[in-house]
Amino acid sequence: KLNHASIVDGVILSRAHNRRYRHNDLNHL
């Protein structure tokens, strides 16, 4: 969830399904 904006924009550009996980929460991931 706290990744840099360039990563966020890369995800949007890819048009892939976006699954944001809570910051550093590996159980959620």
PDB file of all heavy atoms in Angstrom:
ATOM      1  N   LYS A   1       0.814  -1.219   0.000  1.00  0.00           N
ATOM      2  CA  LYS A   1       0.000   0.000   0.000  1.00  0.00           C
ATOM      3  C   LYS A   1       0.850   1.275   0.000  1.00  0.00           C
ATOM      4  O   LYS A   1       0.404   2.324  -0.476  1.00  0.00           O
ATOM      5  CB  LYS A   1      -0.941  -0.005   1.211  1.00  0.00           C
ATOM      6  CG  LYS A   1      -2.000   1.078   1.163  1.00  0.00           C
ATOM      7  CD  LYS A   1      -2.989   0.940   2.304  1.00  0.00           C
ATOM      8  CE  LYS A   1      -4.066   2.022   2.223  1.00  0.00           C
ATOM      9  NZ  LYS A   1      -5.041   1.904   3.338  1.00  0.00           N
ATOM     10  N   LEU A   2       2.079   1.208   0.523  1.00  0.00           N
ATOM     11  CA  LEU A   2       2.918   2.406   0.602  1.00  0.00           C
ATOM     12  C   LEU A   2       4.003   2.444  -0.477  1.00  0.00           C
ATOM     13  O   LEU A   2       4.968   3.190  -0.361  1.00  0.00           O
ATOM     14  CB  LEU A   2       3.562   2.515   1.991  1.00  0.00           C
ATOM     15  CG  LEU A   2       2.600   2.731   3.159  1.00  0.00           C
ATOM     16  CD1 LEU A   2       3.373   3.060   4.435  1.00  0.00           C
ATOM     17  CD2 LEU A   2       1.586   3.835   2.875  1.00  0.00           C
ATOM     18  N   ASN A   3       3.834   1.646  -1.540  1.00  0.00           N
ATOM     19  CA  ASN A   3       4.797   1.691  -2.632  1.00  0.00           C
ATOM     20  C   ASN A   3       4.849   3.063  -3.300  1.00  0.00           C
ATOM     21  O   ASN A   3       3.876   3.826  -3.276  1.00  0.00           O
ATOM     22  CB  ASN A   3       4.449   0.635  -3.689  1.00  0.00           C
ATOM     23  CG  ASN A   3       4.998  -0.740  -3.345  1.00  0.00           C
ATOM     24  OD1 ASN A   3       5.924  -0.875  -2.547  1.00  0.00           O
ATOM     25  ND2 ASN A   3       4.420  -1.762  -3.946  1.00  0.00           N
ATOM     26  N   HIS A   4       6.001   3.329  -3.921  1.00  0.00           N
ATOM     27  CA  HIS A   4       6.216   4.610  -4.592  1.00  0.00           C
ATOM     28  C   HIS A   4       5.211   4.824  -5.722  1.00  0.00           C
ATOM     29  O   HIS A   4       4.711   3.873  -6.326  1.00  0.00           O
ATOM     30  CB  HIS A   4       7.643   4.648  -5.154  1.00  0.00           C
ATOM     31  CG  HIS A   4       8.052   5.986  -5.663  1.00  0.00           C
ATOM     32  ND1 HIS A   4       7.926   6.351  -6.983  1.00  0.00           N
ATOM     33  CD2 HIS A   4       8.587   7.052  -5.026  1.00  0.00           C
ATOM     34  CE1 HIS A   4       8.373   7.585  -7.140  1.00  0.00           C
ATOM     35  NE2 HIS A   4       8.785   8.037  -5.974  1.00  0.00           N
ATOM     36  N   ALA A   5       4.933   6.088  -6.023  1.00  0.00           N
ATOM     37  CA  ALA A   5       3.965   6.452  -7.072  1.00  0.00           C
ATOM     38  C   ALA A   5       4.311   5.844  -8.423  1.00  0.00           C
ATOM     39  O   ALA A   5       3.419   5.523  -9.219  1.00  0.00           O
ATOM     40  CB  ALA A   5       3.879   7.970  -7.192  1.00  0.00           C
ATOM     41  N   SER A   6       5.598   5.668  -8.717  1.00  0.00           N
ATOM     42  CA  SER A   6       5.986   5.084 -10.005  1.00  0.00           C
ATOM     43  C   SER A   6       5.536   3.634 -10.109  1.00  0.00           C
ATOM     44  O   SER A   6       5.195   3.161 -11.203  1.00  0.00           O
ATOM     45  CB  SER A   6       7.499   5.179 -10.194  1.00  0.00           C
ATOM     46  OG  SER A   6       8.192   4.549  -9.127  1.00  0.00           O
ATOM     47  N   ILE A   7       5.532   2.917  -8.993  1.00  0.00           N
ATOM     48  CA  ILE A   7       5.021   1.547  -8.981  1.00  0.00           C
ATOM     49  C   ILE A   7       3.505   1.568  -9.161  1.00  0.00           C
ATOM     50  O   ILE A   7       2.947   0.787  -9.947  1.00  0.00           O
ATOM     51  CB  ILE A   7       5.405   0.828  -7.670  1.00  0.00           C
ATOM     52  CG1 ILE A   7       6.924   0.650  -7.597  1.00  0.00           C
ATOM     53  CG2 ILE A   7       4.694  -0.524  -7.552  1.00  0.00           C
ATOM     54  CD1 ILE A   7       7.424   0.059  -6.291  1.00  0.00           C
ATOM     55  N   VAL A   8       2.844   2.444  -8.448  1.00  0.00           N
ATOM     56  CA  VAL A   8       1.388   2.577  -8.563  1.00  0.00           C
ATOM     57  C   VAL A   8       1.002   2.848 -10.009  1.00  0.00           C
ATOM     58  O   VAL A   8       0.076   2.222 -10.552  1.00  0.00           O
ATOM     59  CB  VAL A   8       0.871   3.706  -7.643  1.00  0.00           C
ATOM     60  CG1 VAL A   8      -0.621   3.945  -7.867  1.00  0.00           C
ATOM     61  CG2 VAL A   8       1.137   3.368  -6.180  1.00  0.00           C
ATOM     62  N   ASP A   9       1.706   3.764 -10.665  1.00  0.00           N
ATOM     63  CA  ASP A   9       1.380   4.112 -12.051  1.00  0.00           C
ATOM     64  C   ASP A   9       1.700   2.962 -13.003  1.00  0.00           C
ATOM     65  O   ASP A   9       0.990   2.751 -13.999  1.00  0.00           O
ATOM     66  CB  ASP A   9       2.131   5.374 -12.467  1.00  0.00           C
ATOM     67  CG  ASP A   9       1.581   6.622 -11.779  1.00  0.00           C
ATOM     68  OD1 ASP A   9       0.580   6.500 -11.043  1.00  0.00           O
ATOM     69  OD2 ASP A   9       2.150   7.709 -11.968  1.00  0.00           O
ATOM     70  N   GLY A  10       2.744   2.201 -12.717  1.00  0.00           N
ATOM     71  CA  GLY A  10       3.047   1.030 -13.523  1.00  0.00           C
ATOM     72  C   GLY A  10       1.943  -0.002 -13.465  1.00  0.00           C
ATOM     73  O   GLY A  10       1.588  -0.620 -14.480  1.00  0.00           O
ATOM     74  N   VAL A  11       1.385  -0.184 -12.273  1.00  0.00           N
ATOM     75  CA  VAL A  11       0.265  -1.116 -12.107  1.00  0.00           C
ATOM     76  C   VAL A  11      -0.929  -0.652 -12.931  1.00  0.00           C
ATOM     77  O   VAL A  11      -1.570  -1.442 -13.637  1.00  0.00           O
ATOM     78  CB  VAL A  11      -0.113  -1.251 -10.621  1.00  0.00           C
ATOM     79  CG1 VAL A  11      -1.354  -2.117 -10.459  1.00  0.00           C
ATOM     80  CG2 VAL A  11       1.050  -1.840  -9.822  1.00  0.00           C
ATOM     81  N   ILE A  12      -1.225   0.636 -12.881  1.00  0.00           N
ATOM     82  CA  ILE A  12      -2.359   1.185 -13.645  1.00  0.00           C
ATOM     83  C   ILE A  12      -2.137   1.007 -15.139  1.00  0.00           C
ATOM     84  O   ILE A  12      -3.033   0.574 -15.874  1.00  0.00           O
ATOM     85  CB  ILE A  12      -2.555   2.674 -13.293  1.00  0.00           C
ATOM     86  CG1 ILE A  12      -3.006   2.828 -11.836  1.00  0.00           C
ATOM     87  CG2 ILE A  12      -3.577   3.319 -14.236  1.00  0.00           C
ATOM     88  CD1 ILE A  12      -2.981   4.257 -11.328  1.00  0.00           C
ATOM     89  N   LEU A  13      -0.935   1.309 -15.606  1.00  0.00           N
ATOM     90  CA  LEU A  13      -0.625   1.184 -17.036  1.00  0.00           C
ATOM     91  C   LEU A  13      -0.713  -0.258 -17.529  1.00  0.00           C
ATOM     92  O   LEU A  13      -1.066  -0.510 -18.680  1.00  0.00           O
ATOM     93  CB  LEU A  13       0.782   1.726 -17.311  1.00  0.00           C
ATOM     94  CG  LEU A  13       0.947   3.245 -17.330  1.00  0.00           C
ATOM     95  CD1 LEU A  13       2.419   3.614 -17.365  1.00  0.00           C
ATOM     96  CD2 LEU A  13       0.224   3.845 -18.539  1.00  0.00           C
ATOM     97  N   SER A  14      -0.402  -1.207 -16.657  1.00  0.00           N
ATOM     98  CA  SER A  14      -0.414  -2.615 -17.053  1.00  0.00           C
ATOM     99  C   SER A  14      -1.822  -3.141 -17.307  1.00  0.00           C
ATOM    100  O   SER A  14      -1.997  -4.129 -18.016  1.00  0.00           O
ATOM    101  CB  SER A  14       0.238  -3.467 -15.967  1.00  0.00           C
ATOM    102  OG  SER A  14      -0.624  -3.603 -14.843  1.00  0.00           O
ATOM    103  N   ARG A  15      -2.822  -2.509 -16.689  1.00  0.00           N
ATOM    104  CA  ARG A  15      -4.223  -2.932 -16.750  1.00  0.00           C
ATOM    105  C   ARG A  15      -4.443  -4.285 -16.075  1.00  0.00           C
ATOM    106  O   ARG A  15      -5.477  -4.935 -16.268  1.00  0.00           O
ATOM    107  CB  ARG A  15      -4.731  -2.977 -18.198  1.00  0.00           C
ATOM    108  CG  ARG A  15      -4.604  -1.638 -18.916  1.00  0.00           C
ATOM    109  CD  ARG A  15      -5.087  -1.720 -20.353  1.00  0.00           C
ATOM    110  NE  ARG A  15      -4.850  -0.462 -21.047  1.00  0.00           N
ATOM    111  CZ  ARG A  15      -5.135  -0.236 -22.324  1.00  0.00           C
ATOM    112  NH1 ARG A  15      -5.665  -1.206 -23.050  1.00  0.00           N
ATOM    113  NH2 ARG A  15      -4.895   0.923 -22.879  1.00  0.00           N
ATOM    114  N   ALA A  16      -3.485  -4.701 -15.285  1.00  0.00           N
ATOM    115  CA  ALA A  16      -3.625  -5.962 -14.543  1.00  0.00           C
ATOM    116  C   ALA A  16      -4.574  -5.775 -13.367  1.00  0.00           C
ATOM    117  O   ALA A  16      -4.890  -4.647 -12.968  1.00  0.00           O
ATOM    118  CB  ALA A  16      -2.258  -6.418 -14.041  1.00  0.00           C
ATOM    119  N   HIS A  17      -5.022  -6.870 -12.797  1.00  0.00           N
ATOM    120  CA  HIS A  17      -5.831  -6.810 -11.580  1.00  0.00           C
ATOM    121  C   HIS A  17      -4.932  -6.365 -10.427  1.00  0.00           C
ATOM    122  O   HIS A  17      -3.885  -6.957 -10.173  1.00  0.00           O
ATOM    123  CB  HIS A  17      -6.440  -8.179 -11.282  1.00  0.00           C
ATOM    124  CG  HIS A  17      -7.337  -8.679 -12.368  1.00  0.00           C
ATOM    125  ND1 HIS A  17      -8.611  -8.186 -12.567  1.00  0.00           N
ATOM    126  CD2 HIS A  17      -7.133  -9.616 -13.339  1.00  0.00           C
ATOM    127  CE1 HIS A  17      -9.168  -8.808 -13.598  1.00  0.00           C
ATOM    128  NE2 HIS A  17      -8.287  -9.674 -14.089  1.00  0.00           N
ATOM    129  N   ASN A  18      -5.357  -5.312  -9.739  1.00  0.00           N
ATOM    130  CA  ASN A  18      -4.540  -4.709  -8.691  1.00  0.00           C
ATOM    131  C   ASN A  18      -4.991  -5.180  -7.319  1.00  0.00           C
ATOM    132  O   ASN A  18      -6.128  -4.932  -6.911  1.00  0.00           O
ATOM    133  CB  ASN A  18      -4.648  -3.180  -8.787  1.00  0.00           C
ATOM    134  CG  ASN A  18      -3.738  -2.467  -7.797  1.00  0.00           C
ATOM    135  OD1 ASN A  18      -2.904  -3.091  -7.147  1.00  0.00           O
ATOM    136  ND2 ASN A  18      -3.893  -1.168  -7.680  1.00  0.00           N
ATOM    137  N   ARG A  19      -4.110  -5.861  -6.611  1.00  0.00           N
ATOM    138  CA  ARG A  19      -4.407  -6.329  -5.257  1.00  0.00           C
ATOM    139  C   ARG A  19      -3.437  -5.636  -4.296  1.00  0.00           C
ATOM    140  O   ARG A  19      -2.301  -6.062  -4.123  1.00  0.00           O
ATOM    141  CB  ARG A  19      -4.243  -7.843  -5.154  1.00  0.00           C
ATOM    142  CG  ARG A  19      -5.073  -8.633  -6.170  1.00  0.00           C
ATOM    143  CD  ARG A  19      -6.539  -8.675  -5.776  1.00  0.00           C
ATOM    144  NE  ARG A  19      -7.277  -9.550  -6.672  1.00  0.00           N
ATOM    145  CZ  ARG A  19      -7.989  -9.137  -7.714  1.00  0.00           C
ATOM    146  NH1 ARG A  19      -8.056  -7.835  -7.980  1.00  0.00           N
ATOM    147  NH2 ARG A  19      -8.634  -9.993  -8.478  1.00  0.00           N
ATOM    148  N   ARG A  20      -3.867  -4.542  -3.689  1.00  0.00           N
ATOM    149  CA  ARG A  20      -3.011  -3.826  -2.733  1.00  0.00           C
ATOM    150  C   ARG A  20      -3.086  -4.512  -1.372  1.00  0.00           C
ATOM    151  O   ARG A  20      -4.173  -4.753  -0.858  1.00  0.00           O
ATOM    152  CB  ARG A  20      -3.449  -2.372  -2.600  1.00  0.00           C
ATOM    153  CG  ARG A  20      -3.266  -1.561  -3.871  1.00  0.00           C
ATOM    154  CD  ARG A  20      -3.831  -0.165  -3.698  1.00  0.00           C
ATOM    155  NE  ARG A  20      -2.983   0.665  -2.868  1.00  0.00           N
ATOM    156  CZ  ARG A  20      -3.397   1.773  -2.263  1.00  0.00           C
ATOM    157  NH1 ARG A  20      -4.661   2.148  -2.351  1.00  0.00           N
ATOM    158  NH2 ARG A  20      -2.563   2.496  -1.547  1.00  0.00           N
ATOM    159  N   TYR A  21      -1.943  -4.822  -0.814  1.00  0.00           N
ATOM    160  CA  TYR A  21      -1.949  -5.409   0.527  1.00  0.00           C
ATOM    161  C   TYR A  21      -1.497  -4.374   1.558  1.00  0.00           C
ATOM    162  O   TYR A  21      -0.737  -3.459   1.245  1.00  0.00           O
ATOM    163  CB  TYR A  21      -1.102  -6.682   0.600  1.00  0.00           C
ATOM    164  CG  TYR A  21       0.382  -6.533   0.298  1.00  0.00           C
ATOM    165  CD1 TYR A  21       1.307  -6.285   1.309  1.00  0.00           C
ATOM    166  CD2 TYR A  21       0.860  -6.680  -1.012  1.00  0.00           C
ATOM    167  CE1 TYR A  21       2.664  -6.189   1.048  1.00  0.00           C
ATOM    168  CE2 TYR A  21       2.215  -6.588  -1.291  1.00  0.00           C
ATOM    169  CZ  TYR A  21       3.118  -6.337  -0.255  1.00  0.00           C
ATOM    170  OH  TYR A  21       4.460  -6.225  -0.527  1.00  0.00           O
ATOM    171  N   ARG A  22      -2.021  -4.514   2.767  1.00  0.00           N
ATOM    172  CA  ARG A  22      -1.696  -3.573   3.834  1.00  0.00           C
ATOM    173  C   ARG A  22      -0.186  -3.523   4.049  1.00  0.00           C
ATOM    174  O   ARG A  22       0.501  -4.531   3.935  1.00  0.00           O
ATOM    175  CB  ARG A  22      -2.427  -3.943   5.122  1.00  0.00           C
ATOM    176  CG  ARG A  22      -3.941  -3.722   5.043  1.00  0.00           C
ATOM    177  CD  ARG A  22      -4.609  -3.945   6.389  1.00  0.00           C
ATOM    178  NE  ARG A  22      -4.582  -5.359   6.778  1.00  0.00           N
ATOM    179  CZ  ARG A  22      -5.528  -6.243   6.483  1.00  0.00           C
ATOM    180  NH1 ARG A  22      -6.594  -5.865   5.784  1.00  0.00           N
ATOM    181  NH2 ARG A  22      -5.424  -7.499   6.886  1.00  0.00           N
ATOM    182  N   HIS A  23       0.301  -2.355   4.391  1.00  0.00           N
ATOM    183  CA  HIS A  23       1.739  -2.119   4.453  1.00  0.00           C
ATOM    184  C   HIS A  23       2.459  -3.149   5.312  1.00  0.00           C
ATOM    185  O   HIS A  23       2.163  -3.309   6.503  1.00  0.00           O
ATOM    186  CB  HIS A  23       2.012  -0.715   4.987  1.00  0.00           C
ATOM    187  CG  HIS A  23       3.467  -0.392   5.123  1.00  0.00           C
ATOM    188  ND1 HIS A  23       4.370  -0.578   4.099  1.00  0.00           N
ATOM    189  CD2 HIS A  23       4.187   0.090   6.173  1.00  0.00           C
ATOM    190  CE1 HIS A  23       5.574  -0.215   4.507  1.00  0.00           C
ATOM    191  NE2 HIS A  23       5.491   0.184   5.752  1.00  0.00           N
ATOM    192  N   ASN A  24       3.383  -3.859   4.662  1.00  0.00           N
ATOM    193  CA  ASN A  24       4.222  -4.861   5.329  1.00  0.00           C
ATOM    194  C   ASN A  24       3.420  -5.949   6.032  1.00  0.00           C
ATOM    195  O   ASN A  24       3.935  -6.602   6.958  1.00  0.00           O
ATOM    196  CB  ASN A  24       5.179  -4.195   6.324  1.00  0.00           C
ATOM    197  CG  ASN A  24       6.518  -3.842   5.689  1.00  0.00           C
ATOM    198  OD1 ASN A  24       6.898  -4.395   4.662  1.00  0.00           O
ATOM    199  ND2 ASN A  24       7.229  -2.912   6.303  1.00  0.00           N
ATOM    200  N   ASP A  25       2.178  -6.163   5.627  1.00  0.00           N
ATOM    201  CA  ASP A  25       1.318  -7.167   6.249  1.00  0.00           C
ATOM    202  C   ASP A  25       1.325  -8.431   5.378  1.00  0.00           C
ATOM    203  O   ASP A  25       0.543  -8.569   4.431  1.00  0.00           O
ATOM    204  CB  ASP A  25      -0.101  -6.615   6.384  1.00  0.00           C
ATOM    205  CG  ASP A  25      -1.023  -7.528   7.197  1.00  0.00           C
ATOM    206  OD1 ASP A  25      -0.718  -8.733   7.300  1.00  0.00           O
ATOM    207  OD2 ASP A  25      -2.046  -7.035   7.705  1.00  0.00           O
ATOM    208  N   LEU A  26       2.219  -9.368   5.706  1.00  0.00           N
ATOM    209  CA  LEU A  26       2.361 -10.564   4.885  1.00  0.00           C
ATOM    210  C   LEU A  26       1.195 -11.533   5.065  1.00  0.00           C
ATOM    211  O   LEU A  26       0.918 -12.339   4.170  1.00  0.00           O
ATOM    212  CB  LEU A  26       3.689 -11.263   5.199  1.00  0.00           C
ATOM    213  CG  LEU A  26       4.949 -10.440   4.915  1.00  0.00           C
ATOM    214  CD1 LEU A  26       6.178 -11.337   4.944  1.00  0.00           C
ATOM    215  CD2 LEU A  26       4.869  -9.712   3.573  1.00  0.00           C
ATOM    216  N   ASN A  27       0.514 -11.473   6.185  1.00  0.00           N
ATOM    217  CA  ASN A  27      -0.692 -12.293   6.359  1.00  0.00           C
ATOM    218  C   ASN A  27      -1.775 -11.855   5.378  1.00  0.00           C
ATOM    219  O   ASN A  27      -2.466 -12.696   4.776  1.00  0.00           O
ATOM    220  CB  ASN A  27      -1.204 -12.195   7.794  1.00  0.00           C
ATOM    221  CG  ASN A  27      -0.280 -12.880   8.778  1.00  0.00           C
ATOM    222  OD1 ASN A  27       0.356 -13.885   8.452  1.00  0.00           O
ATOM    223  ND2 ASN A  27      -0.196 -12.351   9.990  1.00  0.00           N
ATOM    224  N   HIS A  28      -1.935 -10.544   5.225  1.00  0.00           N
ATOM    225  CA  HIS A  28      -2.907 -10.022   4.270  1.00  0.00           C
ATOM    226  C   HIS A  28      -2.505 -10.391   2.846  1.00  0.00           C
ATOM    227  O   HIS A  28      -3.342 -10.799   2.017  1.00  0.00           O
ATOM    228  CB  HIS A  28      -3.028  -8.503   4.416  1.00  0.00           C
ATOM    229  CG  HIS A  28      -4.095  -7.901   3.567  1.00  0.00           C
ATOM    230  ND1 HIS A  28      -3.987  -6.665   2.990  1.00  0.00           N
ATOM    231  CD2 HIS A  28      -5.305  -8.387   3.169  1.00  0.00           C
ATOM    232  CE1 HIS A  28      -5.081  -6.399   2.286  1.00  0.00           C
ATOM    233  NE2 HIS A  28      -5.889  -7.426   2.382  1.00  0.00           N
ATOM    234  N   LEU A  29      -1.200 -10.273   2.538  1.00  0.00           N
ATOM    235  CA  LEU A  29      -0.717 -10.643   1.210  1.00  0.00           C
ATOM    236  C   LEU A  29      -1.003 -12.115   0.920  1.00  0.00           C
ATOM    237  O   LEU A  29      -1.487 -12.462  -0.168  1.00  0.00           O
ATOM    238  CB  LEU A  29       0.786 -10.371   1.109  1.00  0.00           C
ATOM    239  CG  LEU A  29       1.482 -10.870  -0.162  1.00  0.00           C
ATOM    240  CD1 LEU A  29       0.847 -10.280  -1.420  1.00  0.00           C
ATOM    241  CD2 LEU A  29       2.972 -10.544  -0.110  1.00  0.00           C
TER     242      LEU A  29
END
